[in-house]
N, C-alpha and C. Protein backbone atom coordinates (compact mmCIF):
# COMPACT_ATOMS: atom_id res chain seq x y z
N MET A 1 -30.20 7.95 8.65
CA MET A 1 -29.92 8.27 10.03
C MET A 1 -28.50 8.81 10.15
N LYS A 2 -28.33 10.03 10.54
CA LYS A 2 -27.02 10.64 10.70
C LYS A 2 -26.51 10.32 12.09
N LEU A 3 -25.29 9.77 12.16
CA LEU A 3 -24.74 9.34 13.43
C LEU A 3 -23.62 10.27 13.86
N ASN A 4 -23.48 10.43 15.14
CA ASN A 4 -22.39 11.20 15.70
C ASN A 4 -21.34 10.21 16.18
N HIS A 5 -20.07 10.39 15.76
CA HIS A 5 -19.06 9.41 16.11
C HIS A 5 -18.71 9.41 17.59
N GLN A 6 -19.11 10.40 18.33
CA GLN A 6 -18.93 10.38 19.77
C GLN A 6 -20.26 9.96 20.38
N MET A 7 -20.44 8.65 20.44
CA MET A 7 -21.72 8.12 20.89
C MET A 7 -21.87 8.30 22.40
N SER A 8 -23.06 8.60 22.81
CA SER A 8 -23.32 8.78 24.24
C SER A 8 -23.43 7.42 24.90
N SER A 9 -23.48 7.41 26.22
CA SER A 9 -23.57 6.16 26.95
C SER A 9 -24.91 5.47 26.69
N THR A 10 -25.92 6.20 26.21
CA THR A 10 -27.21 5.58 25.90
C THR A 10 -27.24 5.02 24.49
N ALA A 11 -26.23 5.33 23.68
CA ALA A 11 -26.17 4.81 22.31
C ALA A 11 -25.82 3.33 22.34
N PRO A 12 -26.27 2.58 21.34
CA PRO A 12 -25.97 1.15 21.32
C PRO A 12 -24.47 0.92 21.12
N SER A 13 -24.03 -0.24 21.54
CA SER A 13 -22.64 -0.64 21.34
C SER A 13 -22.32 -0.62 19.85
N ILE A 14 -21.11 -0.27 19.53
CA ILE A 14 -20.72 -0.18 18.11
C ILE A 14 -20.83 -1.53 17.42
N SER A 15 -20.71 -2.60 18.18
CA SER A 15 -20.75 -3.93 17.58
C SER A 15 -22.14 -4.33 17.08
N VAL A 16 -23.18 -3.62 17.49
CA VAL A 16 -24.53 -3.95 17.03
C VAL A 16 -24.98 -3.08 15.86
N LEU A 17 -24.17 -2.13 15.47
CA LEU A 17 -24.53 -1.24 14.37
C LEU A 17 -24.40 -1.96 13.03
N GLU A 18 -25.20 -1.52 12.08
CA GLU A 18 -25.12 -2.03 10.71
C GLU A 18 -23.85 -1.50 10.05
N ASP A 19 -23.40 -2.22 9.03
CA ASP A 19 -22.20 -1.79 8.30
C ASP A 19 -22.36 -0.38 7.71
N THR A 20 -23.55 -0.06 7.23
CA THR A 20 -23.76 1.27 6.66
C THR A 20 -23.58 2.35 7.73
N GLU A 21 -24.04 2.06 8.94
CA GLU A 21 -23.85 3.01 10.04
C GLU A 21 -22.37 3.12 10.40
N LEU A 22 -21.68 1.99 10.37
CA LEU A 22 -20.24 2.01 10.65
C LEU A 22 -19.48 2.81 9.59
N MET A 23 -19.92 2.72 8.35
CA MET A 23 -19.29 3.50 7.29
C MET A 23 -19.48 4.99 7.54
N GLU A 24 -20.67 5.38 7.96
CA GLU A 24 -20.93 6.79 8.27
C GLU A 24 -20.04 7.25 9.42
N LEU A 25 -19.93 6.43 10.44
CA LEU A 25 -19.08 6.78 11.57
C LEU A 25 -17.61 6.84 11.17
N THR A 26 -17.19 5.91 10.33
CA THR A 26 -15.81 5.92 9.85
C THR A 26 -15.54 7.19 9.05
N ALA A 27 -16.51 7.58 8.22
CA ALA A 27 -16.37 8.81 7.43
C ALA A 27 -16.26 10.03 8.32
N SER A 28 -16.88 9.97 9.49
CA SER A 28 -16.80 11.12 10.40
C SER A 28 -15.59 11.02 11.33
N GLY A 29 -14.76 9.99 11.15
CA GLY A 29 -13.50 9.93 11.89
C GLY A 29 -13.47 8.98 13.06
N SER A 30 -14.42 8.08 13.17
CA SER A 30 -14.45 7.16 14.32
C SER A 30 -13.50 5.99 14.12
N PRO A 31 -12.44 5.92 14.94
CA PRO A 31 -11.55 4.77 14.85
C PRO A 31 -12.23 3.48 15.33
N ALA A 32 -13.17 3.60 16.26
CA ALA A 32 -13.88 2.42 16.74
C ALA A 32 -14.71 1.80 15.62
N ALA A 33 -15.34 2.62 14.82
CA ALA A 33 -16.15 2.12 13.71
C ALA A 33 -15.26 1.43 12.68
N LEU A 34 -14.13 2.04 12.37
CA LEU A 34 -13.19 1.42 11.43
C LEU A 34 -12.69 0.10 11.99
N GLY A 35 -12.40 0.07 13.28
CA GLY A 35 -11.97 -1.17 13.92
C GLY A 35 -13.02 -2.25 13.85
N GLU A 36 -14.26 -1.88 14.01
CA GLU A 36 -15.35 -2.86 13.93
C GLU A 36 -15.48 -3.39 12.51
N LEU A 37 -15.36 -2.51 11.51
CA LEU A 37 -15.38 -2.97 10.12
C LEU A 37 -14.23 -3.95 9.87
N TYR A 38 -13.07 -3.64 10.41
CA TYR A 38 -11.92 -4.53 10.27
C TYR A 38 -12.22 -5.88 10.92
N ARG A 39 -12.75 -5.85 12.14
CA ARG A 39 -13.05 -7.09 12.86
C ARG A 39 -14.03 -7.95 12.06
N ARG A 40 -15.03 -7.31 11.48
CA ARG A 40 -16.06 -8.04 10.75
C ARG A 40 -15.60 -8.57 9.40
N HIS A 41 -14.78 -7.81 8.70
CA HIS A 41 -14.55 -8.10 7.28
C HIS A 41 -13.11 -8.38 6.87
N SER A 42 -12.16 -8.24 7.76
CA SER A 42 -10.76 -8.41 7.34
C SER A 42 -10.46 -9.83 6.88
N SER A 43 -11.07 -10.83 7.52
CA SER A 43 -10.75 -12.21 7.13
C SER A 43 -11.28 -12.53 5.72
N ILE A 44 -12.48 -12.07 5.39
CA ILE A 44 -13.00 -12.32 4.05
C ILE A 44 -12.20 -11.54 3.01
N MET A 45 -11.79 -10.32 3.36
CA MET A 45 -11.00 -9.53 2.43
C MET A 45 -9.64 -10.18 2.21
N PHE A 46 -9.04 -10.70 3.29
CA PHE A 46 -7.76 -11.39 3.17
C PHE A 46 -7.91 -12.62 2.28
N SER A 47 -9.01 -13.35 2.44
CA SER A 47 -9.22 -14.56 1.64
C SER A 47 -9.42 -14.24 0.15
N VAL A 48 -9.82 -13.04 -0.17
CA VAL A 48 -9.93 -12.61 -1.56
C VAL A 48 -8.56 -12.15 -2.08
N LEU A 49 -7.79 -11.50 -1.23
CA LEU A 49 -6.50 -10.97 -1.64
C LEU A 49 -5.43 -12.05 -1.81
N LEU A 50 -5.45 -13.04 -0.94
CA LEU A 50 -4.39 -14.04 -0.95
C LEU A 50 -4.26 -14.78 -2.29
N PRO A 51 -5.34 -15.31 -2.86
CA PRO A 51 -5.16 -15.99 -4.15
C PRO A 51 -4.72 -15.06 -5.28
N LYS A 52 -5.08 -13.81 -5.18
CA LYS A 52 -4.70 -12.84 -6.22
C LYS A 52 -3.21 -12.50 -6.13
N LEU A 53 -2.70 -12.36 -4.90
CA LEU A 53 -1.32 -11.94 -4.70
C LEU A 53 -0.35 -13.11 -4.51
N HIS A 54 -0.86 -14.27 -4.14
CA HIS A 54 -0.05 -15.49 -3.96
C HIS A 54 1.01 -15.35 -2.87
N ASP A 55 0.80 -14.46 -1.93
CA ASP A 55 1.77 -14.26 -0.86
C ASP A 55 1.04 -13.68 0.34
N ALA A 56 1.12 -14.36 1.47
CA ALA A 56 0.37 -13.94 2.67
C ALA A 56 0.83 -12.57 3.17
N MET A 57 2.13 -12.31 3.14
CA MET A 57 2.62 -11.01 3.62
C MET A 57 2.15 -9.88 2.71
N GLU A 58 2.17 -10.12 1.40
CA GLU A 58 1.68 -9.11 0.46
C GLU A 58 0.19 -8.86 0.68
N ALA A 59 -0.56 -9.94 0.89
CA ALA A 59 -2.00 -9.81 1.13
C ALA A 59 -2.26 -9.02 2.41
N GLU A 60 -1.48 -9.28 3.45
CA GLU A 60 -1.63 -8.53 4.71
C GLU A 60 -1.30 -7.05 4.50
N ASP A 61 -0.25 -6.78 3.74
CA ASP A 61 0.12 -5.39 3.46
C ASP A 61 -0.99 -4.65 2.71
N VAL A 62 -1.53 -5.30 1.71
CA VAL A 62 -2.60 -4.67 0.92
C VAL A 62 -3.83 -4.48 1.81
N LEU A 63 -4.15 -5.47 2.62
CA LEU A 63 -5.30 -5.36 3.53
C LEU A 63 -5.12 -4.17 4.47
N HIS A 64 -3.93 -4.02 5.01
CA HIS A 64 -3.64 -2.88 5.89
C HIS A 64 -3.81 -1.57 5.13
N ASP A 65 -3.28 -1.52 3.92
CA ASP A 65 -3.41 -0.31 3.09
C ASP A 65 -4.87 0.02 2.79
N VAL A 66 -5.66 -1.02 2.54
CA VAL A 66 -7.07 -0.82 2.23
C VAL A 66 -7.78 -0.17 3.42
N PHE A 67 -7.51 -0.65 4.61
CA PHE A 67 -8.18 -0.06 5.77
C PHE A 67 -7.66 1.35 6.08
N LEU A 68 -6.42 1.62 5.74
CA LEU A 68 -5.94 3.01 5.86
C LEU A 68 -6.67 3.90 4.86
N LYS A 69 -6.90 3.38 3.65
CA LYS A 69 -7.64 4.14 2.65
C LYS A 69 -9.08 4.36 3.07
N LEU A 70 -9.66 3.35 3.73
CA LEU A 70 -11.05 3.47 4.16
C LEU A 70 -11.25 4.66 5.11
N LYS A 71 -10.22 4.97 5.88
CA LYS A 71 -10.32 6.13 6.78
C LYS A 71 -10.68 7.38 6.01
N SER A 72 -10.06 7.54 4.86
CA SER A 72 -10.29 8.76 4.09
C SER A 72 -11.36 8.60 3.01
N LYS A 73 -11.60 7.37 2.56
CA LYS A 73 -12.54 7.14 1.47
C LYS A 73 -13.95 6.78 1.93
N ALA A 74 -14.15 6.55 3.21
CA ALA A 74 -15.46 6.10 3.69
C ALA A 74 -16.57 7.07 3.31
N GLY A 75 -16.25 8.34 3.22
CA GLY A 75 -17.24 9.33 2.82
C GLY A 75 -17.72 9.15 1.39
N GLY A 76 -16.97 8.42 0.58
CA GLY A 76 -17.35 8.17 -0.80
C GLY A 76 -18.30 6.99 -0.97
N TYR A 77 -18.52 6.27 0.12
CA TYR A 77 -19.44 5.13 0.04
C TYR A 77 -20.88 5.62 -0.08
N ARG A 78 -21.62 5.02 -1.00
CA ARG A 78 -23.04 5.34 -1.19
C ARG A 78 -23.83 4.07 -1.03
N LYS A 79 -24.70 4.01 -0.02
CA LYS A 79 -25.43 2.78 0.26
C LYS A 79 -26.37 2.38 -0.88
N GLU A 80 -26.75 3.34 -1.71
CA GLU A 80 -27.61 3.02 -2.86
C GLU A 80 -26.87 2.13 -3.87
N GLU A 81 -25.57 2.14 -3.84
CA GLU A 81 -24.76 1.41 -4.82
C GLU A 81 -24.39 0.00 -4.37
N GLY A 82 -24.79 -0.39 -3.18
CA GLY A 82 -24.48 -1.74 -2.71
C GLY A 82 -24.07 -1.77 -1.25
N LYS A 83 -23.80 -2.96 -0.79
CA LYS A 83 -23.40 -3.17 0.61
C LYS A 83 -21.98 -2.70 0.83
N PRO A 84 -21.67 -2.28 2.06
CA PRO A 84 -20.30 -1.84 2.35
C PRO A 84 -19.24 -2.89 2.06
N ILE A 85 -19.53 -4.16 2.34
CA ILE A 85 -18.52 -5.19 2.08
C ILE A 85 -18.19 -5.28 0.60
N ALA A 86 -19.17 -5.14 -0.26
CA ALA A 86 -18.91 -5.18 -1.70
C ALA A 86 -18.03 -4.00 -2.11
N TRP A 87 -18.31 -2.84 -1.56
CA TRP A 87 -17.52 -1.64 -1.85
C TRP A 87 -16.09 -1.81 -1.35
N MET A 88 -15.94 -2.35 -0.13
CA MET A 88 -14.60 -2.56 0.44
C MET A 88 -13.83 -3.63 -0.35
N LEU A 89 -14.52 -4.68 -0.79
CA LEU A 89 -13.85 -5.70 -1.60
C LEU A 89 -13.38 -5.15 -2.94
N THR A 90 -14.15 -4.23 -3.49
CA THR A 90 -13.73 -3.60 -4.74
C THR A 90 -12.45 -2.80 -4.52
N ILE A 91 -12.39 -2.06 -3.43
CA ILE A 91 -11.18 -1.29 -3.10
C ILE A 91 -10.01 -2.26 -2.91
N ALA A 92 -10.25 -3.37 -2.22
CA ALA A 92 -9.19 -4.35 -1.96
C ALA A 92 -8.69 -4.97 -3.27
N ARG A 93 -9.62 -5.39 -4.14
CA ARG A 93 -9.21 -5.98 -5.43
C ARG A 93 -8.44 -4.97 -6.27
N ASN A 94 -8.89 -3.73 -6.29
CA ASN A 94 -8.18 -2.69 -7.04
C ASN A 94 -6.78 -2.46 -6.48
N ALA A 95 -6.67 -2.46 -5.17
CA ALA A 95 -5.36 -2.26 -4.53
C ALA A 95 -4.42 -3.42 -4.86
N ALA A 96 -4.95 -4.65 -4.86
CA ALA A 96 -4.13 -5.81 -5.21
C ALA A 96 -3.69 -5.74 -6.67
N THR A 97 -4.60 -5.37 -7.54
CA THR A 97 -4.27 -5.23 -8.96
C THR A 97 -3.20 -4.17 -9.16
N ASP A 98 -3.33 -3.04 -8.47
CA ASP A 98 -2.32 -1.98 -8.56
C ASP A 98 -0.96 -2.48 -8.09
N LYS A 99 -0.95 -3.23 -7.00
CA LYS A 99 0.31 -3.76 -6.47
C LYS A 99 0.95 -4.71 -7.48
N LEU A 100 0.15 -5.58 -8.07
CA LEU A 100 0.68 -6.50 -9.07
C LEU A 100 1.22 -5.75 -10.29
N ARG A 101 0.51 -4.71 -10.71
CA ARG A 101 0.99 -3.91 -11.86
C ARG A 101 2.31 -3.22 -11.54
N ARG A 102 2.39 -2.64 -10.34
CA ARG A 102 3.64 -1.98 -9.94
C ARG A 102 4.78 -2.98 -9.91
N HIS A 103 4.52 -4.15 -9.36
CA HIS A 103 5.55 -5.18 -9.28
C HIS A 103 5.98 -5.62 -10.68
N THR A 104 5.03 -5.84 -11.57
CA THR A 104 5.34 -6.26 -12.94
C THR A 104 6.12 -5.17 -13.68
N THR A 105 5.68 -3.93 -13.54
CA THR A 105 6.37 -2.81 -14.19
C THR A 105 7.79 -2.68 -13.65
N HIS A 106 7.93 -2.78 -12.34
CA HIS A 106 9.26 -2.68 -11.72
C HIS A 106 10.16 -3.81 -12.24
N ARG A 107 9.63 -5.02 -12.27
CA ARG A 107 10.40 -6.18 -12.72
C ARG A 107 10.84 -6.00 -14.17
N LYS A 108 9.94 -5.52 -15.03
CA LYS A 108 10.29 -5.28 -16.44
C LYS A 108 11.38 -4.23 -16.54
N TYR A 109 11.27 -3.16 -15.74
CA TYR A 109 12.25 -2.09 -15.77
C TYR A 109 13.62 -2.61 -15.32
N VAL A 110 13.64 -3.37 -14.23
CA VAL A 110 14.90 -3.92 -13.73
C VAL A 110 15.50 -4.86 -14.76
N ASP A 111 14.69 -5.75 -15.33
CA ASP A 111 15.19 -6.69 -16.34
C ASP A 111 15.73 -5.94 -17.55
N LEU A 112 15.04 -4.90 -17.97
CA LEU A 112 15.47 -4.12 -19.12
C LEU A 112 16.81 -3.46 -18.83
N LYS A 113 16.93 -2.84 -17.68
CA LYS A 113 18.16 -2.15 -17.33
C LYS A 113 19.33 -3.13 -17.19
N VAL A 114 19.10 -4.30 -16.61
CA VAL A 114 20.16 -5.30 -16.47
C VAL A 114 20.61 -5.77 -17.84
N ASN A 115 19.67 -5.97 -18.75
CA ASN A 115 20.01 -6.44 -20.09
C ASN A 115 20.69 -5.37 -20.93
N GLU A 116 20.55 -4.10 -20.58
CA GLU A 116 21.19 -3.02 -21.34
C GLU A 116 22.66 -2.86 -21.00
N ILE A 117 23.07 -3.35 -19.85
CA ILE A 117 24.45 -3.16 -19.41
C ILE A 117 25.33 -4.23 -20.03
N PRO A 118 26.27 -3.80 -20.88
CA PRO A 118 27.16 -4.80 -21.48
C PRO A 118 28.08 -5.41 -20.42
N PRO A 119 28.52 -6.64 -20.62
CA PRO A 119 29.41 -7.26 -19.64
C PRO A 119 30.70 -6.46 -19.51
N HIS A 120 31.26 -6.48 -18.35
CA HIS A 120 32.53 -5.83 -18.03
C HIS A 120 32.49 -4.32 -18.19
N THR A 121 31.34 -3.73 -17.97
CA THR A 121 31.21 -2.29 -18.02
C THR A 121 31.43 -1.74 -16.61
N PRO A 122 32.38 -0.81 -16.46
CA PRO A 122 32.57 -0.24 -15.12
C PRO A 122 31.33 0.54 -14.69
N ALA A 123 31.20 0.68 -13.39
CA ALA A 123 30.03 1.37 -12.85
C ALA A 123 29.96 2.81 -13.34
N HIS A 124 31.10 3.47 -13.43
CA HIS A 124 31.14 4.85 -13.93
C HIS A 124 31.96 4.85 -15.22
N THR A 125 31.39 5.38 -16.25
CA THR A 125 32.08 5.35 -17.54
C THR A 125 33.10 6.48 -17.69
N GLY A 126 33.13 7.39 -16.81
CA GLY A 126 34.09 8.48 -16.90
C GLY A 126 34.33 9.09 -15.54
N LEU A 127 35.47 9.71 -15.39
CA LEU A 127 35.82 10.36 -14.13
C LEU A 127 35.69 11.86 -14.29
N HIS A 128 35.31 12.49 -13.20
CA HIS A 128 35.27 13.94 -13.18
C HIS A 128 36.69 14.46 -12.98
N ALA A 129 36.92 15.68 -13.35
CA ALA A 129 38.26 16.26 -13.28
C ALA A 129 38.83 16.20 -11.86
N ASP A 130 37.99 16.44 -10.85
CA ASP A 130 38.50 16.41 -9.48
C ASP A 130 38.90 15.00 -9.07
N GLU A 131 38.18 13.99 -9.60
CA GLU A 131 38.54 12.61 -9.31
C GLU A 131 39.87 12.25 -9.98
N VAL A 132 40.06 12.72 -11.21
CA VAL A 132 41.31 12.47 -11.93
C VAL A 132 42.48 13.10 -11.18
N ALA A 133 42.29 14.33 -10.72
CA ALA A 133 43.34 15.02 -9.99
C ALA A 133 43.69 14.29 -8.70
N LEU A 134 42.68 13.82 -7.98
CA LEU A 134 42.90 13.10 -6.73
C LEU A 134 43.63 11.79 -7.00
N LEU A 135 43.21 11.05 -8.02
CA LEU A 135 43.86 9.78 -8.34
C LEU A 135 45.30 9.99 -8.81
N THR A 136 45.52 11.02 -9.58
CA THR A 136 46.88 11.33 -10.06
C THR A 136 47.78 11.64 -8.88
N ALA A 137 47.29 12.44 -7.95
CA ALA A 137 48.08 12.79 -6.76
C ALA A 137 48.38 11.54 -5.94
N GLU A 138 47.39 10.67 -5.78
CA GLU A 138 47.60 9.43 -5.01
C GLU A 138 48.60 8.52 -5.70
N LEU A 139 48.50 8.41 -7.02
CA LEU A 139 49.44 7.57 -7.77
C LEU A 139 50.85 8.14 -7.70
N ASP A 140 50.98 9.44 -7.76
CA ASP A 140 52.30 10.07 -7.67
C ASP A 140 52.93 9.85 -6.30
N ALA A 141 52.08 9.71 -5.27
CA ALA A 141 52.59 9.54 -3.90
C ALA A 141 53.05 8.11 -3.65
N LEU A 142 52.67 7.18 -4.51
CA LEU A 142 53.08 5.78 -4.31
C LEU A 142 54.58 5.63 -4.60
N PRO A 143 55.26 4.83 -3.81
CA PRO A 143 56.68 4.60 -4.09
C PRO A 143 56.86 3.78 -5.37
N SER A 144 57.87 4.10 -6.12
CA SER A 144 58.12 3.34 -7.34
C SER A 144 58.87 2.07 -6.98
N GLN A 145 58.68 1.03 -7.76
CA GLN A 145 59.31 -0.25 -7.45
C GLN A 145 60.56 -0.45 -8.24
């Protein structure tokens, strides 16, 4: 059944539509359909994300990102491959895994860079000629003691 996202007044309320119909509407750009999917499934998705991320704010951020992705990815959903909630949970788990990988990679990079800096190393290892000239002029302007 192909749905038009601008439902007429004789069309059923969006809240009575099946998830597959909501996915079709979301794919065609219906914010109401996306909102209904969020209303129906955000709590279960959050409950899957929270134990994986161990942080409520991170889980909320990922959940928000997932629904932003659904706006553009809804057209990729195929009902033959399973229920919409299973598809959305897969996107959510993948997004959480990506976030954890980015965090781990970032942490390793920061730790590596911190460990590479020898103690008492100045922030800049050398001065540019214009900086030397400016410092020399400033030092020359200081009164001698």
